[in-house]
């Protein structure tokens, strides 16, 4: 199938259904300048060893180093802006074609592109703010950075004395079960599951496209590289994400 034929095939599949679930991974944000995690030589995990949740909880030094890294801006998230792919997904939500965005990303770019927060299910949390691990009190990063620069640490929660951490899910930390359950229910009920920019190898998130397909949804995979689910997908596009989605939806 030619490039143009694949674009038209995806456009027709979207037009034929009323409930699209959009599932996104790191690949949708690389065009916004945020590196992915696994690519050889460029992936974040090739350069920075991820912090295990138990180490963060158990060591003040690990927490200090983690916050220092965060405030140094080494994750490239703070200055990132939505790209054409994000805007195309937001358009699908806006016109009522897609009902929800399930994302493995923590960059908040779907919300910045115009997707209402209540229609974004963040499996791995959000790196744009922090919360207390005990009482869930929210803290803004700018305030914590000022505190860190003054005291050399992020101090305990003012409400309960608990440990404050960016609102992301770290290695060894349990995914939010309510979010995961909502994602599973949406995946079971949708007519078209559109997996974008994900390697589809990290579980339990990677079980969602299979769940949708098993319950009768069409499965489309848009990713630059092959995934373990390409063989069962109804359509696979190994293309650049932003230009492809922009052309399909008609968004610049």
C-alpha atoms as a PDB file:
ATOM      1  CA  UNK A   1       0.000   0.000   0.000  1.00  0.00           C
ATOM      2  CA  UNK A   2       1.387   3.412  -0.939  1.00  0.00           C
ATOM      3  CA  UNK A   3       1.896   6.253   1.531  1.00  0.00           C
ATOM      4  CA  UNK A   4      -1.139   8.145   0.235  1.00  0.00           C
ATOM      5  CA  UNK A   5      -3.250   4.992   0.281  1.00  0.00           C
ATOM      6  CA  UNK A   6      -2.345   4.359   3.935  1.00  0.00           C
ATOM      7  CA  UNK A   7      -3.256   7.934   4.835  1.00  0.00           C
ATOM      8  CA  UNK A   8      -6.616   7.561   3.105  1.00  0.00           C
ATOM      9  CA  UNK A   9      -7.233   4.163   4.717  1.00  0.00           C
ATOM     10  CA  UNK A  10      -6.734   5.612   8.198  1.00  0.00           C
ATOM     11  CA  UNK A  11      -8.929   8.598   7.389  1.00  0.00           C
ATOM     12  CA  UNK A  12     -11.728   6.287   6.251  1.00  0.00           C
ATOM     13  CA  UNK A  13     -11.421   4.057   9.317  1.00  0.00           C
ATOM     14  CA  UNK A  14     -11.802   7.081  11.590  1.00  0.00           C
ATOM     15  CA  UNK A  15     -14.768   8.401   9.626  1.00  0.00           C
ATOM     16  CA  UNK A  16     -16.593   5.057   9.837  1.00  0.00           C
ATOM     17  CA  UNK A  17     -16.714   4.861  13.653  1.00  0.00           C
ATOM     18  CA  UNK A  18     -18.101   6.936  16.504  1.00  0.00           C
ATOM     19  CA  UNK A  19     -15.723   6.036  19.337  1.00  0.00           C
ATOM     20  CA  UNK A  20     -11.958   6.212  18.857  1.00  0.00           C
ATOM     21  CA  UNK A  21      -9.594   5.630  21.755  1.00  0.00           C
ATOM     22  CA  UNK A  22      -6.214   7.270  21.213  1.00  0.00           C
ATOM     23  CA  UNK A  23      -3.273   5.650  22.994  1.00  0.00           C
ATOM     24  CA  UNK A  24       0.046   7.511  22.926  1.00  0.00           C
ATOM     25  CA  UNK A  25       3.648   6.787  23.858  1.00  0.00           C
ATOM     26  CA  UNK A  26       6.906   8.724  23.816  1.00  0.00           C
ATOM     27  CA  UNK A  27       7.053   8.798  20.021  1.00  0.00           C
ATOM     28  CA  UNK A  28       4.288  11.374  19.791  1.00  0.00           C
ATOM     29  CA  UNK A  29       6.423  13.854  21.756  1.00  0.00           C
ATOM     30  CA  UNK A  30       9.847  13.375  20.180  1.00  0.00           C
ATOM     31  CA  UNK A  31       8.877  15.922  17.525  1.00  0.00           C
ATOM     32  CA  UNK A  32       8.441  18.391  20.412  1.00  0.00           C
ATOM     33  CA  UNK A  33      12.074  17.854  21.406  1.00  0.00           C
ATOM     34  CA  UNK A  34      11.482  15.369  24.227  1.00  0.00           C
ATOM     35  CA  UNK A  35      13.751  12.317  23.836  1.00  0.00           C
ATOM     36  CA  UNK A  36      12.176   8.900  24.107  1.00  0.00           C
ATOM     37  CA  UNK A  37      13.408   6.303  26.572  1.00  0.00           C
ATOM     38  CA  UNK A  38      14.830   3.407  24.591  1.00  0.00           C
ATOM     39  CA  UNK A  39      16.266   4.547  21.262  1.00  0.00           C
ATOM     40  CA  UNK A  40      19.942   3.517  20.943  1.00  0.00           C
ATOM     41  CA  UNK A  41      22.232   6.435  21.703  1.00  0.00           C
ATOM     42  CA  UNK A  42      19.459   9.011  22.163  1.00  0.00           C
ATOM     43  CA  UNK A  43      17.073   7.432  24.648  1.00  0.00           C
ATOM     44  CA  UNK A  44      16.931   8.978  28.100  1.00  0.00           C
ATOM     45  CA  UNK A  45      17.780   5.683  29.783  1.00  0.00           C
ATOM     46  CA  UNK A  46      21.042   5.493  27.835  1.00  0.00           C
ATOM     47  CA  UNK A  47      22.183   8.675  29.552  1.00  0.00           C
ATOM     48  CA  UNK A  48      20.487   8.788  32.949  1.00  0.00           C
ATOM     49  CA  UNK A  49      19.861   5.842  35.226  1.00  0.00           C
ATOM     50  CA  UNK A  50      16.194   5.955  36.279  1.00  0.00           C
ATOM     51  CA  UNK A  51      15.509   6.346  39.994  1.00  0.00           C
ATOM     52  CA  UNK A  52      13.785   3.432  41.696  1.00  0.00           C
ATOM     53  CA  UNK A  53      10.805   4.387  43.842  1.00  0.00           C
ATOM     54  CA  UNK A  54      12.099   2.530  46.896  1.00  0.00           C
ATOM     55  CA  UNK A  55      15.418   4.386  46.668  1.00  0.00           C
ATOM     56  CA  UNK A  56      13.595   7.729  46.455  1.00  0.00           C
ATOM     57  CA  UNK A  57      11.545   6.904  49.530  1.00  0.00           C
ATOM     58  CA  UNK A  58      14.440   5.495  51.520  1.00  0.00           C
ATOM     59  CA  UNK A  59      17.223   8.009  50.887  1.00  0.00           C
ATOM     60  CA  UNK A  60      17.364  11.759  51.400  1.00  0.00           C
ATOM     61  CA  UNK A  61      20.445  11.860  49.158  1.00  0.00           C
ATOM     62  CA  UNK A  62      18.604  10.140  46.315  1.00  0.00           C
ATOM     63  CA  UNK A  63      15.720  12.590  46.701  1.00  0.00           C
ATOM     64  CA  UNK A  64      18.136  15.525  46.661  1.00  0.00           C
ATOM     65  CA  UNK A  65      19.856  14.249  43.507  1.00  0.00           C
ATOM     66  CA  UNK A  66      16.518  13.578  41.830  1.00  0.00           C
ATOM     67  CA  UNK A  67      15.255  17.089  42.521  1.00  0.00           C
ATOM     68  CA  UNK A  68      18.558  18.613  41.430  1.00  0.00           C
ATOM     69  CA  UNK A  69      18.262  16.779  38.116  1.00  0.00           C
ATOM     70  CA  UNK A  70      14.649  17.887  37.736  1.00  0.00           C
ATOM     71  CA  UNK A  71      15.362  21.551  38.382  1.00  0.00           C
ATOM     72  CA  UNK A  72      18.361  21.498  36.041  1.00  0.00           C
ATOM     73  CA  UNK A  73      15.869  20.905  33.228  1.00  0.00           C
ATOM     74  CA  UNK A  74      17.683  17.860  31.895  1.00  0.00           C
ATOM     75  CA  UNK A  75      14.412  16.156  30.947  1.00  0.00           C
ATOM     76  CA  UNK A  76      13.567  18.805  28.294  1.00  0.00           C
ATOM     77  CA  UNK A  77       9.924  18.776  29.353  1.00  0.00           C
ATOM     78  CA  UNK A  78       9.554  22.276  30.752  1.00  0.00           C
ATOM     79  CA  UNK A  79      10.146  24.109  27.468  1.00  0.00           C
ATOM     80  CA  UNK A  80       8.392  21.608  25.184  1.00  0.00           C
ATOM     81  CA  UNK A  81       5.347  22.638  23.157  1.00  0.00           C
ATOM     82  CA  UNK A  82       2.679  20.524  21.438  1.00  0.00           C
ATOM     83  CA  UNK A  83       3.451  19.463  17.877  1.00  0.00           C
ATOM     84  CA  UNK A  84       1.261  18.723  14.891  1.00  0.00           C
ATOM     85  CA  UNK A  85       0.481  15.239  16.157  1.00  0.00           C
ATOM     86  CA  UNK A  86      -0.800  16.567  19.473  1.00  0.00           C
ATOM     87  CA  UNK A  87      -2.932  19.135  17.683  1.00  0.00           C
ATOM     88  CA  UNK A  88      -4.434  16.491  15.399  1.00  0.00           C
ATOM     89  CA  UNK A  89      -5.361  14.327  18.383  1.00  0.00           C
ATOM     90  CA  UNK A  90      -6.908  17.357  20.106  1.00  0.00           C
ATOM     91  CA  UNK A  91      -8.982  17.948  16.974  1.00  0.00           C
ATOM     92  CA  UNK A  92     -10.307  14.372  17.094  1.00  0.00           C
ATOM     93  CA  UNK A  93     -11.375  14.971  20.691  1.00  0.00           C
ATOM     94  CA  UNK A  94     -12.853  18.385  19.883  1.00  0.00           C
ATOM     95  CA  UNK A  95     -15.105  17.096  17.098  1.00  0.00           C
ATOM     96  CA  UNK A  96     -16.276  14.192  19.252  1.00  0.00           C
ATOM     97  CA  UNK A  97     -14.681  11.492  17.155  1.00  0.00           C
ATOM     98  CA  UNK A  98     -12.269  10.377  19.880  1.00  0.00           C
ATOM     99  CA  UNK A  99     -13.580   9.943  23.402  1.00  0.00           C
ATOM    100  CA  UNK A 100     -10.352   9.779  25.394  1.00  0.00           C
ATOM    101  CA  UNK A 101      -6.570   9.920  25.185  1.00  0.00           C
ATOM    102  CA  UNK A 102      -4.744   7.227  27.143  1.00  0.00           C
ATOM    103  CA  UNK A 103      -1.104   8.191  27.427  1.00  0.00           C
ATOM    104  CA  UNK A 104       2.145   6.778  28.742  1.00  0.00           C
ATOM    105  CA  UNK A 105       3.621  10.271  28.536  1.00  0.00           C
ATOM    106  CA  UNK A 106       4.140  12.591  31.499  1.00  0.00           C
ATOM    107  CA  UNK A 107       4.737  15.832  29.576  1.00  0.00           C
ATOM    108  CA  UNK A 108       1.211  17.364  29.772  1.00  0.00           C
ATOM    109  CA  UNK A 109       1.351  18.177  26.039  1.00  0.00           C
ATOM    110  CA  UNK A 110      -2.054  16.672  25.286  1.00  0.00           C
ATOM    111  CA  UNK A 111      -3.639  19.076  27.756  1.00  0.00           C
ATOM    112  CA  UNK A 112      -1.592  21.969  26.379  1.00  0.00           C
ATOM    113  CA  UNK A 113      -2.787  21.136  22.877  1.00  0.00           C
ATOM    114  CA  UNK A 114      -6.404  21.583  23.964  1.00  0.00           C
ATOM    115  CA  UNK A 115      -7.547  18.173  25.185  1.00  0.00           C
ATOM    116  CA  UNK A 116      -9.602  18.662  28.370  1.00  0.00           C
ATOM    117  CA  UNK A 117      -7.792  17.217  31.383  1.00  0.00           C
ATOM    118  CA  UNK A 118     -10.721  14.946  32.198  1.00  0.00           C
ATOM    119  CA  UNK A 119     -10.302  13.280  28.797  1.00  0.00           C
ATOM    120  CA  UNK A 120      -6.624  12.425  29.350  1.00  0.00           C
ATOM    121  CA  UNK A 121      -5.822   9.239  31.258  1.00  0.00           C
ATOM    122  CA  UNK A 122      -2.191   9.492  32.371  1.00  0.00           C
ATOM    123  CA  UNK A 123      -0.919   5.987  33.098  1.00  0.00           C
ATOM    124  CA  UNK A 124       2.488   7.215  34.246  1.00  0.00           C
ATOM    125  CA  UNK A 125       1.490  10.492  35.875  1.00  0.00           C
ATOM    126  CA  UNK A 126       2.480  14.063  35.096  1.00  0.00           C
ATOM    127  CA  UNK A 127       5.905  15.710  35.372  1.00  0.00           C
ATOM    128  CA  UNK A 128       4.599  19.273  35.395  1.00  0.00           C
ATOM    129  CA  UNK A 129       3.709  19.328  39.093  1.00  0.00           C
ATOM    130  CA  UNK A 130       4.384  17.417  42.319  1.00  0.00           C
ATOM    131  CA  UNK A 131       2.289  15.786  45.021  1.00  0.00           C
ATOM    132  CA  UNK A 132       2.682  14.542  48.561  1.00  0.00           C
ATOM    133  CA  UNK A 133       2.935  10.763  48.559  1.00  0.00           C
ATOM    134  CA  UNK A 134       0.881  10.577  51.748  1.00  0.00           C
ATOM    135  CA  UNK A 135      -1.972  13.076  51.423  1.00  0.00           C
ATOM    136  CA  UNK A 136      -1.803  13.941  47.676  1.00  0.00           C
ATOM    137  CA  UNK A 137      -1.476  17.685  48.324  1.00  0.00           C
ATOM    138  CA  UNK A 138      -0.420  19.334  45.041  1.00  0.00           C
ATOM    139  CA  UNK A 139       2.712  21.492  44.787  1.00  0.00           C
ATOM    140  CA  UNK A 140       3.834  23.667  41.887  1.00  0.00           C
ATOM    141  CA  UNK A 141       7.362  23.054  40.651  1.00  0.00           C
ATOM    142  CA  UNK A 142       8.301  26.747  40.619  1.00  0.00           C
ATOM    143  CA  UNK A 143       7.613  26.974  44.355  1.00  0.00           C
ATOM    144  CA  UNK A 144       9.574  23.791  45.056  1.00  0.00           C
ATOM    145  CA  UNK A 145      12.492  25.003  42.952  1.00  0.00           C
ATOM    146  CA  UNK A 146      12.680  28.230  44.960  1.00  0.00           C
ATOM    147  CA  UNK A 147      12.621  26.189  48.159  1.00  0.00           C
ATOM    148  CA  UNK A 148      15.338  23.864  46.849  1.00  0.00           C
ATOM    149  CA  UNK A 149      17.575  26.775  45.877  1.00  0.00           C
ATOM    150  CA  UNK A 150      17.152  28.308  49.332  1.00  0.00           C
ATOM    151  CA  UNK A 151      17.434  25.201  51.505  1.00  0.00           C
ATOM    152  CA  UNK A 152      19.171  22.653  49.276  1.00  0.00           C
ATOM    153  CA  UNK A 153      16.242  20.267  49.558  1.00  0.00           C
ATOM    154  CA  UNK A 154      12.527  19.925  48.988  1.00  0.00           C
ATOM    155  CA  UNK A 155      11.076  19.965  52.463  1.00  0.00           C
ATOM    156  CA  UNK A 156       8.284  17.686  53.726  1.00  0.00           C
ATOM    157  CA  UNK A 157       4.631  18.355  52.993  1.00  0.00           C
ATOM    158  CA  UNK A 158       3.281  21.313  54.990  1.00  0.00           C
ATOM    159  CA  UNK A 159      -0.040  19.510  55.456  1.00  0.00           C
ATOM    160  CA  UNK A 160       1.031  16.101  56.737  1.00  0.00           C
ATOM    161  CA  UNK A 161       4.839  15.938  56.741  1.00  0.00           C
ATOM    162  CA  UNK A 162       4.945  13.386  53.937  1.00  0.00           C
ATOM    163  CA  UNK A 163       7.507  13.070  51.157  1.00  0.00           C
ATOM    164  CA  UNK A 164       6.906  15.237  48.084  1.00  0.00           C
ATOM    165  CA  UNK A 165       7.619  13.809  44.643  1.00  0.00           C
ATOM    166  CA  UNK A 166       6.915  14.802  41.069  1.00  0.00           C
ATOM    167  CA  UNK A 167       3.522  13.413  40.075  1.00  0.00           C
ATOM    168  CA  UNK A 168       5.074  10.740  37.880  1.00  0.00           C
ATOM    169  CA  UNK A 169       5.223   6.983  38.284  1.00  0.00           C
ATOM    170  CA  UNK A 170       8.770   5.799  38.971  1.00  0.00           C
ATOM    171  CA  UNK A 171      10.299   2.358  38.579  1.00  0.00           C
ATOM    172  CA  UNK A 172       8.906   0.136  41.304  1.00  0.00           C
ATOM    173  CA  UNK A 173       5.920   2.412  41.946  1.00  0.00           C
ATOM    174  CA  UNK A 174       2.425   1.055  41.362  1.00  0.00           C
ATOM    175  CA  UNK A 175       0.410   2.556  38.516  1.00  0.00           C
ATOM    176  CA  UNK A 176      -2.746   4.421  39.586  1.00  0.00           C
ATOM    177  CA  UNK A 177      -5.290   1.619  39.613  1.00  0.00           C
ATOM    178  CA  UNK A 178      -8.287   3.881  39.010  1.00  0.00           C
ATOM    179  CA  UNK A 179      -6.686   5.295  35.871  1.00  0.00           C
ATOM    180  CA  UNK A 180      -5.689   1.853  34.639  1.00  0.00           C
ATOM    181  CA  UNK A 181      -9.214   0.538  35.220  1.00  0.00           C
ATOM    182  CA  UNK A 182     -10.754   3.456  33.329  1.00  0.00           C
ATOM    183  CA  UNK A 183      -8.311   2.893  30.473  1.00  0.00           C
ATOM    184  CA  UNK A 184      -9.241  -0.787  30.312  1.00  0.00           C
ATOM    185  CA  UNK A 185     -12.969  -0.034  30.271  1.00  0.00           C
ATOM    186  CA  UNK A 186     -12.573   2.553  27.496  1.00  0.00           C
ATOM    187  CA  UNK A 187     -10.426   0.143  25.493  1.00  0.00           C
ATOM    188  CA  UNK A 188     -12.979  -2.657  25.826  1.00  0.00           C
ATOM    189  CA  UNK A 189     -15.822  -0.454  24.590  1.00  0.00           C
ATOM    190  CA  UNK A 190     -14.219   1.469  21.722  1.00  0.00           C
ATOM    191  CA  UNK A 191     -14.702   0.837  18.018  1.00  0.00           C
ATOM    192  CA  UNK A 192     -11.224   1.904  16.933  1.00  0.00           C
ATOM    193  CA  UNK A 193      -8.055   1.797  19.013  1.00  0.00           C
ATOM    194  CA  UNK A 194      -5.369   4.094  17.634  1.00  0.00           C
ATOM    195  CA  UNK A 195      -1.938   3.316  19.115  1.00  0.00           C
ATOM    196  CA  UNK A 196       0.515   6.120  18.367  1.00  0.00           C
ATOM    197  CA  UNK A 197       4.237   6.390  19.084  1.00  0.00           C
ATOM    198  CA  UNK A 198       4.500   3.485  21.490  1.00  0.00           C
ATOM    199  CA  UNK A 199       6.779   0.465  21.355  1.00  0.00           C
ATOM    200  CA  UNK A 200       3.928  -1.492  23.000  1.00  0.00           C
ATOM    201  CA  UNK A 201       6.288  -3.527  25.161  1.00  0.00           C
ATOM    202  CA  UNK A 202       5.674  -1.986  28.606  1.00  0.00           C
ATOM    203  CA  UNK A 203       2.960  -3.742  30.584  1.00  0.00           C
ATOM    204  CA  UNK A 204       0.280  -3.370  31.752  1.00  0.00           C
ATOM    205  CA  UNK A 205      -0.165  -0.481  29.300  1.00  0.00           C
ATOM    206  CA  UNK A 206       0.701  -2.707  26.329  1.00  0.00           C
ATOM    207  CA  UNK A 207      -2.233  -4.982  27.164  1.00  0.00           C
ATOM    208  CA  UNK A 208      -4.721  -2.263  26.171  1.00  0.00           C
ATOM    209  CA  UNK A 209      -4.478  -2.587  22.348  1.00  0.00           C
ATOM    210  CA  UNK A 210      -4.817  -6.345  22.657  1.00  0.00           C
ATOM    211  CA  UNK A 211      -7.835  -5.884  24.938  1.00  0.00           C
ATOM    212  CA  UNK A 212      -9.493  -3.562  22.444  1.00  0.00           C
ATOM    213  CA  UNK A 213      -8.798  -5.888  19.523  1.00  0.00           C
ATOM    214  CA  UNK A 214     -10.087  -8.917  21.419  1.00  0.00           C
ATOM    215  CA  UNK A 215     -13.364  -7.100  22.070  1.00  0.00           C
ATOM    216  CA  UNK A 216     -13.958  -6.295  18.396  1.00  0.00           C
ATOM    217  CA  UNK A 217     -12.293  -2.916  17.911  1.00  0.00           C
ATOM    218  CA  UNK A 218     -10.228  -2.172  14.844  1.00  0.00           C
ATOM    219  CA  UNK A 219      -6.575  -1.689  15.762  1.00  0.00           C
ATOM    220  CA  UNK A 220      -4.350   0.861  14.043  1.00  0.00           C
ATOM    221  CA  UNK A 221      -0.676   1.278  14.929  1.00  0.00           C
ATOM    222  CA  UNK A 222       1.214   4.408  13.927  1.00  0.00           C
ATOM    223  CA  UNK A 223       4.845   4.113  14.969  1.00  0.00           C
ATOM    224  CA  UNK A 224       8.181   4.654  13.272  1.00  0.00           C
ATOM    225  CA  UNK A 225       9.359   1.165  14.221  1.00  0.00           C
ATOM    226  CA  UNK A 226       7.724  -2.262  14.341  1.00  0.00           C
ATOM    227  CA  UNK A 227       5.814  -3.344  17.455  1.00  0.00           C
ATOM    228  CA  UNK A 228       4.834  -6.772  18.817  1.00  0.00           C
ATOM    229  CA  UNK A 229       1.223  -6.090  17.789  1.00  0.00           C
ATOM    230  CA  UNK A 230       1.800  -5.268  14.130  1.00  0.00           C
ATOM    231  CA  UNK A 231       0.721  -8.767  13.085  1.00  0.00           C
ATOM    232  CA  UNK A 232      -2.764  -8.438  14.587  1.00  0.00           C
ATOM    233  CA  UNK A 233      -3.360  -4.798  13.626  1.00  0.00           C
ATOM    234  CA  UNK A 234      -5.864  -3.885  10.951  1.00  0.00           C
ATOM    235  CA  UNK A 235      -3.562  -1.135   9.712  1.00  0.00           C
ATOM    236  CA  UNK A 236       0.105  -0.402  10.453  1.00  0.00           C
ATOM    237  CA  UNK A 237       1.810   2.837   9.454  1.00  0.00           C
ATOM    238  CA  UNK A 238       5.566   3.133   9.943  1.00  0.00           C
ATOM    239  CA  UNK A 239       5.632   6.871   9.363  1.00  0.00           C
ATOM    240  CA  UNK A 240       6.434  10.157  11.060  1.00  0.00           C
ATOM    241  CA  UNK A 241       3.653  10.819  13.552  1.00  0.00           C
ATOM    242  CA  UNK A 242       2.992  14.570  13.354  1.00  0.00           C
ATOM    243  CA  UNK A 243       2.884  14.866   9.543  1.00  0.00           C
ATOM    244  CA  UNK A 244       0.833  11.685   9.221  1.00  0.00           C
ATOM    245  CA  UNK A 245      -1.824  12.604  11.782  1.00  0.00           C
ATOM    246  CA  UNK A 246      -1.892  16.165  10.508  1.00  0.00           C
ATOM    247  CA  UNK A 247      -2.621  14.966   6.988  1.00  0.00           C
ATOM    248  CA  UNK A 248      -5.252  12.470   8.162  1.00  0.00           C
ATOM    249  CA  UNK A 249      -7.142  14.962  10.333  1.00  0.00           C
ATOM    250  CA  UNK A 250      -6.452  18.079   8.299  1.00  0.00           C
ATOM    251  CA  UNK A 251      -4.507  20.019  10.921  1.00  0.00           C
ATOM    252  CA  UNK A 252      -1.400  22.111  10.281  1.00  0.00           C
END
